[in-house]
Amino acid sequence: MSLSILKALYLVNNKITKIHPKAFVTLNALQKLYLSKNALVEIPRNLPKTLVELRIHDNKITKVPKEAFKGLKRMNCIGE
């Protein structure tokens, strides 16, 4: 089964502490990524360029690298 057509991924409230840099490599159609209510300390790297919405509130993120959203030209919603 291919995940290349997956449009939304909900990983809310799972105690996730980190995400592998290649976790989203094959998700070429992903538009919505919900990572709220976890234990992430940083914004995941290499987010899909197709991403429009990122929900990442209620984590342990203290700073955002300046390259975190590079290339995400379609992104229009970050937050709750």
C-alpha atoms as a PDB file:
ATOM      1  CA  MET A   1       0.000   0.000   0.000  1.00  0.00           C
ATOM      2  CA  SER A   2       1.304   3.417  -0.931  1.00  0.00           C
ATOM      3  CA  LEU A   3       0.911   6.485   1.260  1.00  0.00           C
ATOM      4  CA  SER A   4       1.706   8.834  -1.608  1.00  0.00           C
ATOM      5  CA  ILE A   5      -1.964   9.881  -1.883  1.00  0.00           C
ATOM      6  CA  LEU A   6      -2.495  10.515   1.852  1.00  0.00           C
ATOM      7  CA  LYS A   7      -3.883  14.046   2.320  1.00  0.00           C
ATOM      8  CA  ALA A   8      -4.236  14.264   6.121  1.00  0.00           C
ATOM      9  CA  LEU A   9      -2.316  12.705   9.005  1.00  0.00           C
ATOM     10  CA  TYR A  10      -3.593  12.990  12.575  1.00  0.00           C
ATOM     11  CA  LEU A  11      -1.063  12.081  15.281  1.00  0.00           C
ATOM     12  CA  VAL A  12      -2.635  14.006  18.159  1.00  0.00           C
ATOM     13  CA  ASN A  13      -2.040  13.055  21.817  1.00  0.00           C
ATOM     14  CA  ASN A  14       0.470  10.237  21.251  1.00  0.00           C
ATOM     15  CA  LYS A  15       3.411  11.309  23.469  1.00  0.00           C
ATOM     16  CA  ILE A  16       5.636  11.712  20.385  1.00  0.00           C
ATOM     17  CA  THR A  17       8.998  13.236  21.353  1.00  0.00           C
ATOM     18  CA  LYS A  18      10.702  13.403  17.958  1.00  0.00           C
ATOM     19  CA  ILE A  19      10.086  12.664  14.313  1.00  0.00           C
ATOM     20  CA  HIS A  20      12.683  11.155  11.993  1.00  0.00           C
ATOM     21  CA  PRO A  21      13.842  13.623   9.280  1.00  0.00           C
ATOM     22  CA  LYS A  22      12.705  11.184   6.551  1.00  0.00           C
ATOM     23  CA  ALA A  23       9.294  10.430   8.096  1.00  0.00           C
ATOM     24  CA  PHE A  24       7.358  12.434   5.499  1.00  0.00           C
ATOM     25  CA  VAL A  25       9.508  11.785   2.405  1.00  0.00           C
ATOM     26  CA  THR A  26       6.929   9.635   0.595  1.00  0.00           C
ATOM     27  CA  LEU A  27       3.897  11.729   1.577  1.00  0.00           C
ATOM     28  CA  ASN A  28       3.759  13.711  -1.651  1.00  0.00           C
ATOM     29  CA  ALA A  29       0.103  14.766  -1.322  1.00  0.00           C
ATOM     30  CA  LEU A  30      -0.027  15.561   2.405  1.00  0.00           C
ATOM     31  CA  GLN A  31      -1.915  18.794   3.070  1.00  0.00           C
ATOM     32  CA  LYS A  32      -2.852  18.559   6.762  1.00  0.00           C
ATOM     33  CA  LEU A  33      -0.549  17.428   9.564  1.00  0.00           C
ATOM     34  CA  TYR A  34      -1.850  17.404  13.131  1.00  0.00           C
ATOM     35  CA  LEU A  35       0.832  16.872  15.789  1.00  0.00           C
ATOM     36  CA  SER A  36      -0.818  18.644  18.729  1.00  0.00           C
ATOM     37  CA  LYS A  37      -0.688  17.406  22.342  1.00  0.00           C
ATOM     38  CA  ASN A  38       2.573  15.488  22.074  1.00  0.00           C
ATOM     39  CA  ALA A  39       6.028  16.066  23.589  1.00  0.00           C
ATOM     40  CA  LEU A  40       7.870  17.456  20.555  1.00  0.00           C
ATOM     41  CA  VAL A  41      10.764  19.797  21.343  1.00  0.00           C
ATOM     42  CA  GLU A  42      11.341  20.944  17.746  1.00  0.00           C
ATOM     43  CA  ILE A  43       9.455  21.481  14.507  1.00  0.00           C
ATOM     44  CA  PRO A  44       9.827  18.355  12.338  1.00  0.00           C
ATOM     45  CA  ARG A  45      12.347  18.712   9.508  1.00  0.00           C
ATOM     46  CA  ASN A  46      11.644  18.149   5.840  1.00  0.00           C
ATOM     47  CA  LEU A  47       7.931  18.824   5.985  1.00  0.00           C
ATOM     48  CA  PRO A  48       6.159  18.039   2.691  1.00  0.00           C
ATOM     49  CA  LYS A  49       6.070  20.989   0.278  1.00  0.00           C
ATOM     50  CA  THR A  50       2.364  20.279  -0.262  1.00  0.00           C
ATOM     51  CA  LEU A  51       1.529  21.063   3.381  1.00  0.00           C
ATOM     52  CA  VAL A  52      -1.215  23.665   3.831  1.00  0.00           C
ATOM     53  CA  GLU A  53      -2.061  23.225   7.509  1.00  0.00           C
ATOM     54  CA  LEU A  54       0.145  22.328  10.498  1.00  0.00           C
ATOM     55  CA  ARG A  55      -1.371  21.971  13.952  1.00  0.00           C
ATOM     56  CA  ILE A  56       1.381  21.725  16.541  1.00  0.00           C
ATOM     57  CA  HIS A  57       0.087  23.347  19.756  1.00  0.00           C
ATOM     58  CA  ASP A  58       0.523  21.814  23.222  1.00  0.00           C
ATOM     59  CA  ASN A  59       4.040  20.481  22.677  1.00  0.00           C
ATOM     60  CA  LYS A  60       7.367  21.378  24.312  1.00  0.00           C
ATOM     61  CA  ILE A  61       8.754  23.470  21.449  1.00  0.00           C
ATOM     62  CA  THR A  62      10.851  26.356  22.758  1.00  0.00           C
ATOM     63  CA  LYS A  63      12.371  27.711  19.557  1.00  0.00           C
ATOM     64  CA  VAL A  64      11.800  27.490  15.833  1.00  0.00           C
ATOM     65  CA  PRO A  65      14.788  27.215  13.464  1.00  0.00           C
ATOM     66  CA  LYS A  66      14.715  29.862  10.745  1.00  0.00           C
ATOM     67  CA  GLU A  67      14.684  27.172   8.022  1.00  0.00           C
ATOM     68  CA  ALA A  68      11.735  25.301   9.592  1.00  0.00           C
ATOM     69  CA  PHE A  69       9.174  26.430   7.004  1.00  0.00           C
ATOM     70  CA  LYS A  70      11.440  26.892   3.995  1.00  0.00           C
ATOM     71  CA  GLY A  71       9.730  25.915   0.750  1.00  0.00           C
ATOM     72  CA  LEU A  72       6.264  25.646   2.293  1.00  0.00           C
ATOM     73  CA  LYS A  73       4.667  28.149  -0.057  1.00  0.00           C
ATOM     74  CA  ARG A  74       1.160  26.716   0.285  1.00  0.00           C
ATOM     75  CA  MET A  75       1.128  26.824   4.104  1.00  0.00           C
ATOM     76  CA  ASN A  76      -1.651  29.046   5.397  1.00  0.00           C
ATOM     77  CA  CYS A  77      -2.398  27.748   8.891  1.00  0.00           C
ATOM     78  CA  ILE A  78      -0.071  27.019  11.790  1.00  0.00           C
ATOM     79  CA  GLY A  79      -1.560  26.643  15.239  1.00  0.00           C
ATOM     80  CA  GLU A  80      -4.692  25.426  16.964  1.00  0.00           C
END
